[in-house]
C-alpha atoms as a PDB file:
ATOM      1  CA  MET A   1     108.780  88.574 102.989  1.00  0.00           C
ATOM      2  CA  THR A   2     105.629  88.112 100.492  1.00  0.00           C
ATOM      3  CA  VAL A   3     102.650  89.947 101.327  1.00  0.00           C
ATOM      4  CA  GLN A   4      99.052  88.677 101.014  1.00  0.00           C
ATOM      5  CA  PRO A   5      96.875  90.632  98.627  1.00  0.00           C
ATOM      6  CA  CYS A   6      94.034  92.743 100.160  1.00  0.00           C
ATOM      7  CA  SER A   7      91.230  90.666 100.822  1.00  0.00           C
ATOM      8  CA  PRO A   8      88.478  92.119  98.463  1.00  0.00           C
ATOM      9  CA  SER A   9      88.161  89.993  95.590  1.00  0.00           C
ATOM     10  CA  ARG A  10      87.988  92.919  92.636  1.00  0.00           C
ATOM     11  CA  PRO A  11      91.142  93.981  91.886  1.00  0.00           C
ATOM     12  CA  ILE A  12      91.445  97.835  91.078  1.00  0.00           C
ATOM     13  CA  GLN A  13      93.390  98.549  87.871  1.00  0.00           C
ATOM     14  CA  VAL A  14      95.999 100.924  88.118  1.00  0.00           C
ATOM     15  CA  ALA A  15      98.588 102.261  85.550  1.00  0.00           C
ATOM     16  CA  ALA A  16     101.993 102.795  86.078  1.00  0.00           C
ATOM     17  CA  ARG A  17     103.022 106.107  84.045  1.00  0.00           C
ATOM     18  CA  GLY A  18     106.649 105.824  84.511  1.00  0.00           C
ATOM     19  CA  ARG A  19     109.262 102.957  84.886  1.00  0.00           C
ATOM     20  CA  GLU A  20     107.855 102.113  88.702  1.00  0.00           C
ATOM     21  CA  LEU A  21     104.333 102.223  90.089  1.00  0.00           C
ATOM     22  CA  VAL A  22     104.097 105.079  92.536  1.00  0.00           C
ATOM     23  CA  VAL A  23     101.255 104.940  95.112  1.00  0.00           C
ATOM     24  CA  ASP A  24     101.092 107.547  97.464  1.00  0.00           C
ATOM     25  CA  ILE A  25      99.622 105.675 101.032  1.00  0.00           C
ATOM     26  CA  HIS A  26      99.493 109.229 102.882  1.00  0.00           C
ATOM     27  CA  ALA A  27      97.082 111.619 101.516  1.00  0.00           C
ATOM     28  CA  HIS A  28      94.189 113.342 102.993  1.00  0.00           C
ATOM     29  CA  LEU A  29      90.671 114.613 101.539  1.00  0.00           C
ATOM     30  CA  HIS A  30      88.315 117.109 103.424  1.00  0.00           C
ATOM     31  CA  VAL A  31      84.497 116.271 102.980  1.00  0.00           C
ATOM     32  CA  ALA A  32      83.050 119.425 103.546  1.00  0.00           C
ATOM     33  CA  ALA A  33      79.594 117.864 103.938  1.00  0.00           C
ATOM     34  CA  ALA A  34      80.316 116.149 107.057  1.00  0.00           C
ATOM     35  CA  VAL A  35      80.754 119.858 108.701  1.00  0.00           C
ATOM     36  CA  ALA A  36      77.121 120.357 108.230  1.00  0.00           C
ATOM     37  CA  VAL A  37      76.353 117.098 109.951  1.00  0.00           C
ATOM     38  CA  VAL A  38      78.552 117.883 113.286  1.00  0.00           C
ATOM     39  CA  GLY A  39      77.988 121.482 113.348  1.00  0.00           C
ATOM     40  CA  ARG A  40      80.681 124.212 112.329  1.00  0.00           C
ATOM     41  CA  GLU A  41      81.922 124.652 116.344  1.00  0.00           C
ATOM     42  CA  ASN A  42      82.934 120.814 116.480  1.00  0.00           C
ATOM     43  CA  ALA A  43      84.592 121.162 112.592  1.00  0.00           C
ATOM     44  CA  GLY A  44      88.013 121.880 113.887  1.00  0.00           C
ATOM     45  CA  PRO A  45      90.084 119.415 115.955  1.00  0.00           C
ATOM     46  CA  PRO A  46      88.789 118.245 119.798  1.00  0.00           C
ATOM     47  CA  PRO A  47      89.670 120.444 122.420  1.00  0.00           C
ATOM     48  CA  ALA A  48      92.260 118.018 123.688  1.00  0.00           C
ATOM     49  CA  VAL A  49      94.416 119.005 120.625  1.00  0.00           C
ATOM     50  CA  ALA A  50      93.157 122.004 119.511  1.00  0.00           C
ATOM     51  CA  ASP A  51      93.906 123.560 123.226  1.00  0.00           C
ATOM     52  CA  PHE A  52      97.778 122.923 122.863  1.00  0.00           C
ATOM     53  CA  SER A  53      98.324 125.661 119.812  1.00  0.00           C
ATOM     54  CA  SER A  54      99.714 129.047 119.963  1.00  0.00           C
ATOM     55  CA  PRO A  55      98.232 132.170 118.180  1.00  0.00           C
ATOM     56  CA  ALA A  56     101.264 132.322 115.521  1.00  0.00           C
ATOM     57  CA  SER A  57     100.648 128.543 114.860  1.00  0.00           C
ATOM     58  CA  ASP A  58      96.444 129.368 114.518  1.00  0.00           C
ATOM     59  CA  ALA A  59      97.279 132.248 112.053  1.00  0.00           C
ATOM     60  CA  VAL A  60     100.016 129.804 109.642  1.00  0.00           C
ATOM     61  CA  ASN A  61      97.010 127.104 109.792  1.00  0.00           C
ATOM     62  CA  ALA A  62      94.373 129.571 108.816  1.00  0.00           C
ATOM     63  CA  ARG A  63      96.685 131.024 105.819  1.00  0.00           C
ATOM     64  CA  GLN A  64      97.605 127.035 104.846  1.00  0.00           C
ATOM     65  CA  PHE A  65      93.894 126.175 104.707  1.00  0.00           C
ATOM     66  CA  ALA A  66      92.873 128.696 102.976  1.00  0.00           C
ATOM     67  CA  ALA A  67      95.577 128.222 100.573  1.00  0.00           C
ATOM     68  CA  ILE A  68      94.753 124.515  99.738  1.00  0.00           C
ATOM     69  CA  ALA A  69      91.375 124.416 100.346  1.00  0.00           C
ATOM     70  CA  ASP A  70      90.544 123.150  96.810  1.00  0.00           C
ATOM     71  CA  VAL A  71      92.843 120.233  96.058  1.00  0.00           C
ATOM     72  CA  LEU A  72      92.355 119.371 100.112  1.00  0.00           C
ATOM     73  CA  ALA A  73      88.285 118.943  99.221  1.00  0.00           C
ATOM     74  CA  SER A  74      88.777 117.597  95.574  1.00  0.00           C
ATOM     75  CA  ALA A  75      90.114 114.428  94.092  1.00  0.00           C
ATOM     76  CA  GLU A  76      90.010 115.848  90.805  1.00  0.00           C
ATOM     77  CA  ALA A  77      91.671 119.621  91.721  1.00  0.00           C
ATOM     78  CA  ARG A  78      95.077 117.526  92.845  1.00  0.00           C
ATOM     79  CA  LEU A  79      95.429 115.445  89.582  1.00  0.00           C
ATOM     80  CA  PRO A  80      97.583 118.109  88.237  1.00  0.00           C
ATOM     81  CA  ASP A  81      99.886 118.227  91.227  1.00  0.00           C
ATOM     82  CA  MET A  82     100.078 114.360  91.539  1.00  0.00           C
ATOM     83  CA  ASP A  83     101.331 114.167  87.232  1.00  0.00           C
ATOM     84  CA  ARG A  84     103.710 116.773  88.309  1.00  0.00           C
ATOM     85  CA  LEU A  85     105.165 115.175  91.521  1.00  0.00           C
ATOM     86  CA  GLY A  86     104.849 111.615  89.635  1.00  0.00           C
ATOM     87  CA  VAL A  87     102.576 109.933  91.462  1.00  0.00           C
ATOM     88  CA  ASP A  88     100.155 107.430  89.859  1.00  0.00           C
ATOM     89  CA  VAL A  89      97.627 106.634  92.508  1.00  0.00           C
ATOM     90  CA  GLN A  90      96.543 108.391  95.757  1.00  0.00           C
ATOM     91  CA  ALA A  91      95.019 106.811  98.809  1.00  0.00           C
ATOM     92  CA  LEU A  92      92.591 109.120 100.032  1.00  0.00           C
ATOM     93  CA  SER A  93      92.248 109.273 103.954  1.00  0.00           C
ATOM     94  CA  PRO A  94      90.172 111.595 105.837  1.00  0.00           C
ATOM     95  CA  SER A  95      91.597 114.839 106.918  1.00  0.00           C
ATOM     96  CA  PRO A  96      92.620 114.198 110.393  1.00  0.00           C
ATOM     97  CA  GLY A  97      90.406 116.972 111.729  1.00  0.00           C
ATOM     98  CA  GLN A  98      87.269 114.947 111.021  1.00  0.00           C
ATOM     99  CA  PHE A  99      88.032 111.750 113.146  1.00  0.00           C
ATOM    100  CA  TYR A 100      84.985 113.375 115.237  1.00  0.00           C
ATOM    101  CA  TYR A 101      85.645 111.110 118.445  1.00  0.00           C
ATOM    102  CA  HIS A 102      84.890 113.343 121.021  1.00  0.00           C
ATOM    103  CA  LEU A 103      81.239 114.130 119.870  1.00  0.00           C
ATOM    104  CA  ASP A 104      78.175 111.738 120.900  1.00  0.00           C
ATOM    105  CA  ALA A 105      78.374 108.509 119.091  1.00  0.00           C
ATOM    106  CA  GLU A 106      75.241 108.724 116.861  1.00  0.00           C
ATOM    107  CA  LEU A 107      76.434 112.072 115.365  1.00  0.00           C
ATOM    108  CA  ALA A 108      79.832 110.840 114.887  1.00  0.00           C
ATOM    109  CA  ARG A 109      78.377 107.577 113.061  1.00  0.00           C
ATOM    110  CA  SER A 110      76.712 109.818 110.754  1.00  0.00           C
ATOM    111  CA  ALA A 111      79.538 112.138 110.316  1.00  0.00           C
ATOM    112  CA  ALA A 112      81.311 108.858 109.348  1.00  0.00           C
ATOM    113  CA  ARG A 113      79.020 108.055 106.695  1.00  0.00           C
ATOM    114  CA  VAL A 114      79.136 111.301 105.082  1.00  0.00           C
ATOM    115  CA  ILE A 115      82.795 111.142 105.286  1.00  0.00           C
ATOM    116  CA  ASN A 116      82.824 107.628 103.449  1.00  0.00           C
ATOM    117  CA  ASP A 117      80.428 108.462 101.171  1.00  0.00           C
ATOM    118  CA  GLY A 118      82.108 111.793  99.760  1.00  0.00           C
ATOM    119  CA  ILE A 119      85.525 109.717  99.729  1.00  0.00           C
ATOM    120  CA  ALA A 120      83.811 107.124  97.712  1.00  0.00           C
ATOM    121  CA  ALA A 121      82.447 109.472  95.497  1.00  0.00           C
ATOM    122  CA  GLU A 122      85.842 111.016  94.612  1.00  0.00           C
ATOM    123  CA  VAL A 123      87.696 107.896  94.056  1.00  0.00           C
ATOM    124  CA  ALA A 124      84.930 107.298  91.656  1.00  0.00           C
ATOM    125  CA  LYS A 125      85.658 110.507  89.269  1.00  0.00           C
ATOM    126  CA  ALA A 126      89.007 108.719  88.693  1.00  0.00           C
ATOM    127  CA  PRO A 127      89.060 105.298  89.814  1.00  0.00           C
ATOM    128  CA  ASP A 128      92.383 104.718  88.278  1.00  0.00           C
ATOM    129  CA  ARG A 129      94.073 107.415  90.170  1.00  0.00           C
ATOM    130  CA  PHE A 130      92.374 106.736  93.506  1.00  0.00           C
ATOM    131  CA  VAL A 131      91.490 104.357  96.251  1.00  0.00           C
ATOM    132  CA  GLY A 132      89.834 105.146  99.240  1.00  0.00           C
ATOM    133  CA  MET A 133      90.236 104.823 102.963  1.00  0.00           C
ATOM    134  CA  GLY A 134      87.309 105.722 105.566  1.00  0.00           C
ATOM    135  CA  THR A 135      86.415 106.456 109.047  1.00  0.00           C
ATOM    136  CA  VAL A 136      84.397 104.989 111.859  1.00  0.00           C
ATOM    137  CA  PRO A 137      83.118 106.348 115.078  1.00  0.00           C
ATOM    138  CA  LEU A 138      85.435 104.465 117.595  1.00  0.00           C
ATOM    139  CA  GLN A 139      83.879 106.137 120.443  1.00  0.00           C
ATOM    140  CA  ASN A 140      81.243 103.258 119.845  1.00  0.00           C
ATOM    141  CA  ALA A 141      82.941  99.850 119.055  1.00  0.00           C
ATOM    142  CA  GLY A 142      79.737  98.155 117.674  1.00  0.00           C
ATOM    143  CA  MET A 143      78.976 101.419 115.451  1.00  0.00           C
ATOM    144  CA  ALA A 144      82.480 101.357 114.209  1.00  0.00           C
ATOM    145  CA  VAL A 145      82.289  97.792 113.369  1.00  0.00           C
ATOM    146  CA  ALA A 146      79.257  98.075 111.464  1.00  0.00           C
ATOM    147  CA  GLU A 147      80.563 100.819 109.620  1.00  0.00           C
ATOM    148  CA  LEU A 148      83.696  99.260 108.991  1.00  0.00           C
ATOM    149  CA  ARG A 149      82.335  96.649 107.200  1.00  0.00           C
ATOM    150  CA  ARG A 150      79.681  99.435 104.947  1.00  0.00           C
ATOM    151  CA  CYS A 151      83.183 100.739 104.012  1.00  0.00           C
ATOM    152  CA  VAL A 152      84.355  97.550 102.931  1.00  0.00           C
ATOM    153  CA  ARG A 153      81.551  95.814 101.525  1.00  0.00           C
ATOM    154  CA  ASP A 154      79.199  98.127  99.858  1.00  0.00           C
ATOM    155  CA  LEU A 155      81.596 101.469  99.299  1.00  0.00           C
ATOM    156  CA  ASP A 156      84.842  99.376  98.353  1.00  0.00           C
ATOM    157  CA  LEU A 157      86.792 101.386 100.629  1.00  0.00           C
ATOM    158  CA  ARG A 158      90.459  99.502 101.089  1.00  0.00           C
ATOM    159  CA  GLY A 159      91.321 101.003 104.514  1.00  0.00           C
ATOM    160  CA  VAL A 160      90.323 102.793 107.264  1.00  0.00           C
ATOM    161  CA  GLU A 161      92.243 105.774 109.294  1.00  0.00           C
ATOM    162  CA  ILE A 162      91.976 105.937 112.869  1.00  0.00           C
ATOM    163  CA  ASN A 163      93.637 108.423 115.171  1.00  0.00           C
ATOM    164  CA  ALA A 164      96.315 106.826 117.645  1.00  0.00           C
ATOM    165  CA  ASN A 165      93.819 107.299 120.591  1.00  0.00           C
ATOM    166  CA  VAL A 166      90.126 107.658 120.827  1.00  0.00           C
ATOM    167  CA  ASP A 167      89.518 110.850 122.915  1.00  0.00           C
ATOM    168  CA  GLY A 168      92.088 109.782 124.844  1.00  0.00           C
ATOM    169  CA  ARG A 169      91.752 105.850 125.215  1.00  0.00           C
ATOM    170  CA  ASP A 170      94.432 104.096 124.151  1.00  0.00           C
ATOM    171  CA  LEU A 171      94.571 101.218 121.218  1.00  0.00           C
ATOM    172  CA  ASP A 172      94.805  98.593 123.697  1.00  0.00           C
ATOM    173  CA  ASP A 173      91.736  99.492 125.321  1.00  0.00           C
ATOM    174  CA  PRO A 174      89.452  96.534 126.066  1.00  0.00           C
ATOM    175  CA  THR A 175      86.548  98.347 124.569  1.00  0.00           C
ATOM    176  CA  LEU A 176      88.245  98.610 120.965  1.00  0.00           C
ATOM    177  CA  ARG A 177      88.866  94.552 120.692  1.00  0.00           C
ATOM    178  CA  PRO A 178      85.727  94.292 118.505  1.00  0.00           C
ATOM    179  CA  PHE A 179      87.156  96.962 116.262  1.00  0.00           C
ATOM    180  CA  TRP A 180      90.667  95.066 115.963  1.00  0.00           C
ATOM    181  CA  ALA A 181      88.886  91.806 115.679  1.00  0.00           C
ATOM    182  CA  ALA A 182      86.658  92.789 112.372  1.00  0.00           C
ATOM    183  CA  ALA A 183      89.526  94.343 110.817  1.00  0.00           C
ATOM    184  CA  GLU A 184      91.689  91.220 111.254  1.00  0.00           C
ATOM    185  CA  GLU A 185      88.784  89.626 109.778  1.00  0.00           C
ATOM    186  CA  LEU A 186      88.207  91.521 106.696  1.00  0.00           C
ATOM    187  CA  GLY A 187      91.899  91.885 106.308  1.00  0.00           C
ATOM    188  CA  THR A 188      91.194  95.841 105.434  1.00  0.00           C
ATOM    189  CA  LEU A 189      94.088  98.323 106.101  1.00  0.00           C
ATOM    190  CA  VAL A 190      94.103 100.335 109.237  1.00  0.00           C
ATOM    191  CA  PHE A 191      96.082 103.406 108.803  1.00  0.00           C
ATOM    192  CA  ILE A 192      97.133 105.093 111.975  1.00  0.00           C
ATOM    193  CA  HIS A 193      97.717 108.727 111.518  1.00  0.00           C
ATOM    194  CA  PRO A 194      97.835 111.065 114.978  1.00  0.00           C
ATOM    195  CA  LEU A 195      96.332 114.401 115.155  1.00  0.00           C
ATOM    196  CA  GLY A 196      98.677 115.901 117.654  1.00  0.00           C
ATOM    197  CA  PHE A 197      99.517 115.196 121.223  1.00  0.00           C
ATOM    198  CA  THR A 198      96.836 114.741 124.081  1.00  0.00           C
ATOM    199  CA  GLU A 199      98.786 115.911 126.674  1.00  0.00           C
ATOM    200  CA  GLY A 200     100.788 118.867 125.133  1.00  0.00           C
ATOM    201  CA  ARG A 201     100.894 121.585 127.544  1.00  0.00           C
ATOM    202  CA  ARG A 202     104.459 121.625 127.007  1.00  0.00           C
ATOM    203  CA  LEU A 203     103.883 121.757 122.916  1.00  0.00           C
ATOM    204  CA  ARG A 204     101.794 124.678 122.433  1.00  0.00           C
ATOM    205  CA  ASP A 205     104.793 126.820 120.906  1.00  0.00           C
ATOM    206  CA  HIS A 206     106.830 126.183 117.774  1.00  0.00           C
ATOM    207  CA  TYR A 207     104.161 123.937 116.155  1.00  0.00           C
ATOM    208  CA  PHE A 208     105.422 121.308 118.541  1.00  0.00           C
ATOM    209  CA  ASN A 209     102.408 119.849 118.698  1.00  0.00           C
ATOM    210  CA  ASN A 210     102.661 118.825 115.439  1.00  0.00           C
ATOM    211  CA  LEU A 211     106.473 118.164 115.047  1.00  0.00           C
ATOM    212  CA  ILE A 212     106.897 116.389 118.282  1.00  0.00           C
ATOM    213  CA  GLY A 213     103.681 115.767 119.023  1.00  0.00           C
ATOM    214  CA  ASN A 214     102.397 113.762 115.784  1.00  0.00           C
ATOM    215  CA  PRO A 215     105.759 111.172 116.175  1.00  0.00           C
ATOM    216  CA  LEU A 216     105.172 110.745 119.927  1.00  0.00           C
ATOM    217  CA  GLU A 217     101.494 109.537 119.834  1.00  0.00           C
ATOM    218  CA  ALA A 218     102.621 107.158 116.614  1.00  0.00           C
ATOM    219  CA  THR A 219     105.130 105.768 119.297  1.00  0.00           C
ATOM    220  CA  LEU A 220     102.493 105.425 122.064  1.00  0.00           C
ATOM    221  CA  ALA A 221     100.172 103.772 119.615  1.00  0.00           C
ATOM    222  CA  ILE A 222     102.863 101.488 118.721  1.00  0.00           C
ATOM    223  CA  GLY A 223     103.753 101.010 121.990  1.00  0.00           C
ATOM    224  CA  HIS A 224     100.158  99.993 123.264  1.00  0.00           C
ATOM    225  CA  LEU A 225      99.518  98.242 120.368  1.00  0.00           C
ATOM    226  CA  ILE A 226     102.737  95.446 121.170  1.00  0.00           C
ATOM    227  CA  PHE A 227     102.654  95.476 125.292  1.00  0.00           C
ATOM    228  CA  GLY A 228      99.032  95.981 125.643  1.00  0.00           C
ATOM    229  CA  GLY A 229      98.650  92.471 123.545  1.00  0.00           C
ATOM    230  CA  VAL A 230      96.749  93.695 120.583  1.00  0.00           C
ATOM    231  CA  LEU A 231      99.084  92.452 118.249  1.00  0.00           C
ATOM    232  CA  ASP A 232      99.120  88.578 119.968  1.00  0.00           C
ATOM    233  CA  ARG A 233      95.670  88.465 119.720  1.00  0.00           C
ATOM    234  CA  HIS A 234      95.198  89.405 116.127  1.00  0.00           C
ATOM    235  CA  PRO A 235      98.471  88.582 114.268  1.00  0.00           C
ATOM    236  CA  GLY A 236      96.865  89.034 110.996  1.00  0.00           C
ATOM    237  CA  LEU A 237      95.901  92.559 111.319  1.00  0.00           C
ATOM    238  CA  ARG A 238      97.576  95.091 108.448  1.00  0.00           C
ATOM    239  CA  ILE A 239      98.405  98.316 110.275  1.00  0.00           C
ATOM    240  CA  CYS A 240     100.746 101.033 108.751  1.00  0.00           C
ATOM    241  CA  VAL A 241     101.473 103.815 110.602  1.00  0.00           C
ATOM    242  CA  ALA A 242     102.102 107.427 109.388  1.00  0.00           C
ATOM    243  CA  HIS A 243     105.217 109.599 110.234  1.00  0.00           C
ATOM    244  CA  GLY A 244     107.664 106.292 109.901  1.00  0.00           C
ATOM    245  CA  GLY A 245     106.067 105.245 112.791  1.00  0.00           C
ATOM    246  CA  GLY A 246     107.229 107.905 115.097  1.00  0.00           C
ATOM    247  CA  TYR A 247     110.187 107.369 117.414  1.00  0.00           C
ATOM    248  CA  LEU A 248     110.278 103.669 118.320  1.00  0.00           C
ATOM    249  CA  PRO A 249     111.537 102.400 114.821  1.00  0.00           C
ATOM    250  CA  GLY A 250     114.970 104.243 115.841  1.00  0.00           C
ATOM    251  CA  TYR A 251     114.873 103.159 119.514  1.00  0.00           C
ATOM    252  CA  TRP A 252     113.524  99.814 119.856  1.00  0.00           C
ATOM    253  CA  GLY A 253     116.155  98.415 121.836  1.00  0.00           C
ATOM    254  CA  ARG A 254     115.132 100.287 125.231  1.00  0.00           C
ATOM    255  CA  MET A 255     111.763  98.524 124.916  1.00  0.00           C
ATOM    256  CA  ASP A 256     113.459  94.799 124.509  1.00  0.00           C
ATOM    257  CA  HIS A 257     115.332  95.627 127.203  1.00  0.00           C
ATOM    258  CA  GLY A 258     112.980  96.808 129.269  1.00  0.00           C
ATOM    259  CA  TRP A 259     111.087  93.527 128.137  1.00  0.00           C
ATOM    260  CA  ARG A 260     113.985  90.802 129.131  1.00  0.00           C
ATOM    261  CA  ALA A 261     114.574  93.054 132.671  1.00  0.00           C
ATOM    262  CA  ARG A 262     110.975  93.595 133.789  1.00  0.00           C
ATOM    263  CA  GLU A 263     108.227  91.335 134.851  1.00  0.00           C
ATOM    264  CA  ASP A 264     105.532  94.215 134.255  1.00  0.00           C
ATOM    265  CA  CYS A 265     107.337  94.877 130.538  1.00  0.00           C
ATOM    266  CA  ARG A 266     106.488  91.420 129.688  1.00  0.00           C
ATOM    267  CA  ALA A 267     102.943  90.938 130.997  1.00  0.00           C
ATOM    268  CA  GLY A 268     101.067  91.915 128.326  1.00  0.00           C
ATOM    269  CA  CYS A 269     103.214  90.757 125.248  1.00  0.00           C
ATOM    270  CA  GLU A 270     104.582  87.286 124.768  1.00  0.00           C
ATOM    271  CA  HIS A 271     108.017  88.366 122.643  1.00  0.00           C
ATOM    272  CA  PRO A 272     110.505  90.635 122.232  1.00  0.00           C
ATOM    273  CA  PRO A 273     108.671  93.912 121.365  1.00  0.00           C
ATOM    274  CA  SER A 274     110.719  94.595 118.109  1.00  0.00           C
ATOM    275  CA  SER A 275     109.479  91.631 116.467  1.00  0.00           C
ATOM    276  CA  TYR A 276     105.979  92.945 116.363  1.00  0.00           C
ATOM    277  CA  LEU A 277     107.444  96.427 115.539  1.00  0.00           C
ATOM    278  CA  ARG A 278     108.516  94.561 112.340  1.00  0.00           C
ATOM    279  CA  ARG A 279     104.903  93.475 111.487  1.00  0.00           C
ATOM    280  CA  LEU A 280     104.024  96.787 110.962  1.00  0.00           C
ATOM    281  CA  TRP A 281     103.994  99.070 107.581  1.00  0.00           C
ATOM    282  CA  LEU A 282     105.230 102.170 108.127  1.00  0.00           C
ATOM    283  CA  ASP A 283     105.318 105.438 105.782  1.00  0.00           C
ATOM    284  CA  THR A 284     108.590 107.010 104.482  1.00  0.00           C
ATOM    285  CA  LEU A 285     107.607 110.539 105.478  1.00  0.00           C
ATOM    286  CA  VAL A 286     110.655 111.167 107.518  1.00  0.00           C
ATOM    287  CA  PHE A 287     112.287 113.960 105.523  1.00  0.00           C
ATOM    288  CA  ASP A 288     115.697 112.992 105.968  1.00  0.00           C
ATOM    289  CA  ARG A 289     117.922 110.484 103.815  1.00  0.00           C
ATOM    290  CA  ASP A 290     119.798 109.171 106.532  1.00  0.00           C
ATOM    291  CA  GLN A 291     116.442 108.416 108.243  1.00  0.00           C
ATOM    292  CA  LEU A 292     115.232 106.724 105.502  1.00  0.00           C
ATOM    293  CA  ASP A 293     118.410 104.380 104.796  1.00  0.00           C
ATOM    294  CA  SER A 294     118.207 103.687 108.757  1.00  0.00           C
ATOM    295  CA  LEU A 295     114.262 102.217 108.343  1.00  0.00           C
ATOM    296  CA  VAL A 296     115.211 100.197 105.364  1.00  0.00           C
ATOM    297  CA  ARG A 297     118.275  98.820 107.122  1.00  0.00           C
ATOM    298  CA  THR A 298     116.501  98.236 110.218  1.00  0.00           C
ATOM    299  CA  HIS A 299     112.546  97.591 109.360  1.00  0.00           C
ATOM    300  CA  GLY A 300     113.032  96.244 105.806  1.00  0.00           C
ATOM    301  CA  ALA A 301     111.612  97.703 102.474  1.00  0.00           C
ATOM    302  CA  ASP A 302     109.232  95.204 102.821  1.00  0.00           C
ATOM    303  CA  ARG A 303     106.967  96.767 105.221  1.00  0.00           C
ATOM    304  CA  LEU A 304     107.702 100.476 103.931  1.00  0.00           C
ATOM    305  CA  CYS A 305     105.383 102.691 101.590  1.00  0.00           C
ATOM    306  CA  LEU A 306     106.126 105.926 100.055  1.00  0.00           C
ATOM    307  CA  GLY A 307     103.463 108.716 102.176  1.00  0.00           C
ATOM    308  CA  SER A 308     103.611 112.359 101.359  1.00  0.00           C
ATOM    309  CA  ASP A 309     100.942 114.129 103.502  1.00  0.00           C
ATOM    310  CA  TYR A 310      99.717 115.851 100.633  1.00  0.00           C
ATOM    311  CA  PRO A 311      98.357 118.566 100.614  1.00  0.00           C
ATOM    312  CA  PHE A 312      99.564 119.799 104.214  1.00  0.00           C
ATOM    313  CA  ASP A 313     102.783 122.210 104.484  1.00  0.00           C
ATOM    314  CA  MET A 314     104.172 119.205 106.552  1.00  0.00           C
ATOM    315  CA  ALA A 315     104.252 117.216 103.309  1.00  0.00           C
ATOM    316  CA  GLU A 316     107.232 115.695 101.409  1.00  0.00           C
ATOM    317  CA  PRO A 317     107.872 118.115  98.617  1.00  0.00           C
ATOM    318  CA  ASP A 318     109.655 115.315  96.224  1.00  0.00           C
ATOM    319  CA  PRO A 319     108.214 112.177  97.346  1.00  0.00           C
ATOM    320  CA  VAL A 320     109.460 110.221  94.186  1.00  0.00           C
ATOM    321  CA  GLY A 321     112.873 111.893  94.496  1.00  0.00           C
ATOM    322  CA  PHE A 322     113.380 111.524  98.130  1.00  0.00           C
ATOM    323  CA  HIS A 323     113.707 107.440  97.394  1.00  0.00           C
ATOM    324  CA  GLN A 324     116.289 108.461  94.792  1.00  0.00           C
ATOM    325  CA  GLY A 325     119.637 106.194  94.898  1.00  0.00           C
ATOM    326  CA  LEU A 326     118.025 103.050  96.812  1.00  0.00           C
ATOM    327  CA  ASP A 327     118.336  99.685  95.346  1.00  0.00           C
ATOM    328  CA  GLU A 328     116.354  98.828  92.697  1.00  0.00           C
ATOM    329  CA  ASN A 329     114.435  96.533  94.144  1.00  0.00           C
ATOM    330  CA  ASP A 330     113.628  98.086  97.380  1.00  0.00           C
ATOM    331  CA  ARG A 331     112.886 101.344  95.423  1.00  0.00           C
ATOM    332  CA  ALA A 332     110.098  99.693  93.839  1.00  0.00           C
ATOM    333  CA  LYS A 333     108.629  97.951  96.629  1.00  0.00           C
ATOM    334  CA  ILE A 334     108.762 101.295  98.701  1.00  0.00           C
ATOM    335  CA  LEU A 335     107.304 103.297  95.645  1.00  0.00           C
ATOM    336  CA  GLY A 336     104.392 101.794  95.193  1.00  0.00           C
ATOM    337  CA  LEU A 337     104.377  97.425  95.138  1.00  0.00           C
ATOM    338  CA  ASN A 338     104.034  97.457  98.874  1.00  0.00           C
ATOM    339  CA  ALA A 339     100.996  99.608  99.118  1.00  0.00           C
ATOM    340  CA  ALA A 340      99.228  97.978  95.843  1.00  0.00           C
ATOM    341  CA  ALA A 341      99.423  94.757  97.891  1.00  0.00           C
ATOM    342  CA  LEU A 342      97.891  96.457 100.961  1.00  0.00           C
ATOM    343  CA  LEU A 343      95.287  98.135  98.992  1.00  0.00           C
ATOM    344  CA  GLY A 344      94.205  95.276  96.219  1.00  0.00           C
ATOM    345  CA  LEU A 345      95.648  97.575  93.288  1.00  0.00           C
ATOM    346  CA  HIS A 346      96.840  95.277  89.886  1.00  0.00           C
ATOM    347  CA  VAL A 347      99.090  97.191  87.482  1.00  0.00           C
ATOM    348  CA  ALA A 348      98.387  95.628  84.132  1.00  0.00           C
ATOM    349  CA  GLY A 349     101.435  93.838  82.797  1.00  0.00           C
ATOM    350  CA  GLY A 350     103.291  94.919  86.267  1.00  0.00           C
ATOM    351  CA  ARG A 351     104.260  93.249  89.650  1.00  0.00           C
ATOM    352  CA  ALA A 352     101.465  94.445  91.304  1.00  0.00           C
END
């Protein structure tokens, strides 16, 4: 399966420091300047997520954010970690708490512009080590499309990160159709990263709103993209889903059976659901080698990308070593070649 290069005409020159190019498609950057735009009271996760936590988890999160503050906010500060981990390039996407879909659209647009400018500025400090993915105010599709075009055309960002829902609206909501059309037209990568689960009343304890909620949100997002017809209407979309795509890659047979057995499951998609699932890219942040091997076997190495979730505590601690033992060609694709094609990277003398 051949992936056509990312649509921007200028390839980004990068270098492989080891035997293989290593691109981390799942790494976050917090843009502190946006907090001044939205106000400190709005700077954290939205109420739909923040309400489903516990004092114990809040205390751990507070210590975590204090410990990672420098590397979360600075591209240059993380270069030693990248060298230690063997990562050549990070794709910087906004810290998920900075989606801001629950705010007034104009305020969210202003914050998105600051975030995107901030990411572009950090990328410019080491353009051979970083590429950028921005954010858009999806609560207003027109504003989102305009900011998407600015990200691609003015800032040379190679994708946008979006939540798995838009303040409770699912990704097949008709109001989002202009965004999906523009993303397909521009050929830009859409990286879906959940921020907890919006109905997490039973997920407050044990950090379940992340441990279970994030993969569950990813599962729902993919389900709505498939059953809601988004992937039928826009077959050219480039979508990568964090956290291994949630639960569907390991249980897609139930979707296909329902599609065959029930007309209400067939109403929105023309083909068996698993056929759409394999048109998406997934990151490999699954932590368990048996699960990684299963993804390679069932989803295919051509549609998998290394993702670490740097710099959070839920990150894979050894993202390159985690892929040791894979077939050499599969490993090279997953470690960097697939992401290079999606993001428009070129390695001098290499295969990307």
